[in-house]
Amino acid sequence: MPENGEINRKFGVYKTVCCGAEIVIREGTAFPECPNHVKLTTVWKSVADESVPHISEMNPPRKTDAA
């Protein structure tokens, strides 16, 4: 997984391992520091590497009281 300062090799959406902050970053651009943890090493993970949950795995919507 790339760290801040490394050059991105593939356009995509990435998020930090530390807190989940997301960015869209183009190929050839250096990965930045985490916006929430400045001056620390930031590890970025491609969102495309994650599985997308099925709707049945998500929390059901809250029911509201009808007046």
C-alpha atoms as a PDB file:
ATOM      1  CA  MET A   1       0.000   0.000   0.000  1.00  0.00           C
ATOM      2  CA  PRO A   2       1.336   3.454  -0.865  1.00  0.00           C
ATOM      3  CA  GLU A   3       2.393   6.019   1.727  1.00  0.00           C
ATOM      4  CA  ASN A   4       2.373   9.806   1.673  1.00  0.00           C
ATOM      5  CA  GLY A   5       5.023  11.198  -0.670  1.00  0.00           C
ATOM      6  CA  GLU A   6       4.923   8.188  -3.022  1.00  0.00           C
ATOM      7  CA  ILE A   7       3.762   8.736  -6.610  1.00  0.00           C
ATOM      8  CA  ASN A   8       0.390   7.206  -7.472  1.00  0.00           C
ATOM      9  CA  ARG A   9       0.529   4.693 -10.309  1.00  0.00           C
ATOM     10  CA  LYS A  10      -3.211   4.275 -10.881  1.00  0.00           C
ATOM     11  CA  PHE A  11      -6.068   6.802 -10.892  1.00  0.00           C
ATOM     12  CA  GLY A  12      -8.657   6.002  -8.272  1.00  0.00           C
ATOM     13  CA  VAL A  13     -10.300   6.577  -4.938  1.00  0.00           C
ATOM     14  CA  TYR A  14      -8.096   5.914  -1.920  1.00  0.00           C
ATOM     15  CA  LYS A  15      -8.649   6.101   1.810  1.00  0.00           C
ATOM     16  CA  THR A  16      -6.354   6.309   4.781  1.00  0.00           C
ATOM     17  CA  VAL A  17      -5.834   3.233   6.908  1.00  0.00           C
ATOM     18  CA  CYS A  18      -5.711   5.383  10.064  1.00  0.00           C
ATOM     19  CA  CYS A  19      -9.132   7.045   9.933  1.00  0.00           C
ATOM     20  CA  GLY A  20     -10.779   6.373   6.569  1.00  0.00           C
ATOM     21  CA  ALA A  21     -10.353   9.843   5.025  1.00  0.00           C
ATOM     22  CA  GLU A  22     -10.990   9.491   1.271  1.00  0.00           C
ATOM     23  CA  ILE A  23      -9.480  11.217  -1.766  1.00  0.00           C
ATOM     24  CA  VAL A  24      -9.605  10.913  -5.526  1.00  0.00           C
ATOM     25  CA  ILE A  25      -6.047  10.985  -6.840  1.00  0.00           C
ATOM     26  CA  ARG A  26      -4.785  10.862 -10.397  1.00  0.00           C
ATOM     27  CA  GLU A  27      -1.883   8.879 -11.749  1.00  0.00           C
ATOM     28  CA  GLY A  28       1.470  10.620 -11.388  1.00  0.00           C
ATOM     29  CA  THR A  29       0.454  12.645  -8.312  1.00  0.00           C
ATOM     30  CA  ALA A  30       2.140  12.256  -4.927  1.00  0.00           C
ATOM     31  CA  PHE A  31      -0.013  10.887  -2.131  1.00  0.00           C
ATOM     32  CA  PRO A  32      -0.612  13.565   0.528  1.00  0.00           C
ATOM     33  CA  GLU A  33      -0.531  13.356   4.301  1.00  0.00           C
ATOM     34  CA  CYS A  34      -3.757  12.407   6.039  1.00  0.00           C
ATOM     35  CA  PRO A  35      -5.799  15.588   6.535  1.00  0.00           C
ATOM     36  CA  ASN A  36      -6.591  14.457  10.082  1.00  0.00           C
ATOM     37  CA  HIS A  37      -3.078  13.301  11.081  1.00  0.00           C
ATOM     38  CA  VAL A  38      -0.637  15.831   9.621  1.00  0.00           C
ATOM     39  CA  LYS A  39       3.122  15.178   9.999  1.00  0.00           C
ATOM     40  CA  LEU A  40       2.605  11.413  10.460  1.00  0.00           C
ATOM     41  CA  THR A  41       3.189   8.624   7.971  1.00  0.00           C
ATOM     42  CA  THR A  42      -0.035   7.986   6.076  1.00  0.00           C
ATOM     43  CA  VAL A  43      -0.853   4.662   4.420  1.00  0.00           C
ATOM     44  CA  TRP A  44      -3.404   4.858   1.582  1.00  0.00           C
ATOM     45  CA  LYS A  45      -5.575   1.909   0.513  1.00  0.00           C
ATOM     46  CA  SER A  46      -7.453   1.681  -2.782  1.00  0.00           C
ATOM     47  CA  VAL A  47     -11.205   1.671  -2.248  1.00  0.00           C
ATOM     48  CA  ALA A  48     -11.484  -0.590  -5.329  1.00  0.00           C
ATOM     49  CA  ASP A  49      -9.765  -3.330  -3.292  1.00  0.00           C
ATOM     50  CA  GLU A  50     -12.676  -3.427  -0.861  1.00  0.00           C
ATOM     51  CA  SER A  51     -15.768  -5.512  -1.320  1.00  0.00           C
ATOM     52  CA  VAL A  52     -19.050  -3.671  -1.731  1.00  0.00           C
ATOM     53  CA  PRO A  53     -21.626  -4.933   0.771  1.00  0.00           C
ATOM     54  CA  HIS A  54     -24.882  -6.405  -0.479  1.00  0.00           C
ATOM     55  CA  ILE A  55     -27.974  -4.417   0.498  1.00  0.00           C
ATOM     56  CA  SER A  56     -29.051  -7.271   2.779  1.00  0.00           C
ATOM     57  CA  GLU A  57     -25.841  -6.793   4.797  1.00  0.00           C
ATOM     58  CA  MET A  58     -26.527  -3.128   5.486  1.00  0.00           C
ATOM     59  CA  ASN A  59     -28.454  -1.733   8.452  1.00  0.00           C
ATOM     60  CA  PRO A  60     -32.184  -1.449   7.845  1.00  0.00           C
ATOM     61  CA  PRO A  61     -33.581   2.088   7.707  1.00  0.00           C
ATOM     62  CA  ARG A  62     -35.092   3.516  10.876  1.00  0.00           C
ATOM     63  CA  LYS A  63     -38.840   3.558  11.128  1.00  0.00           C
ATOM     64  CA  THR A  64     -40.412   6.919  11.793  1.00  0.00           C
ATOM     65  CA  ASP A  65     -43.661   7.471  13.627  1.00  0.00           C
ATOM     66  CA  ALA A  66     -46.512   8.491  11.362  1.00  0.00           C
ATOM     67  CA  ALA A  67     -48.641  11.314  12.715  1.00  0.00           C
END
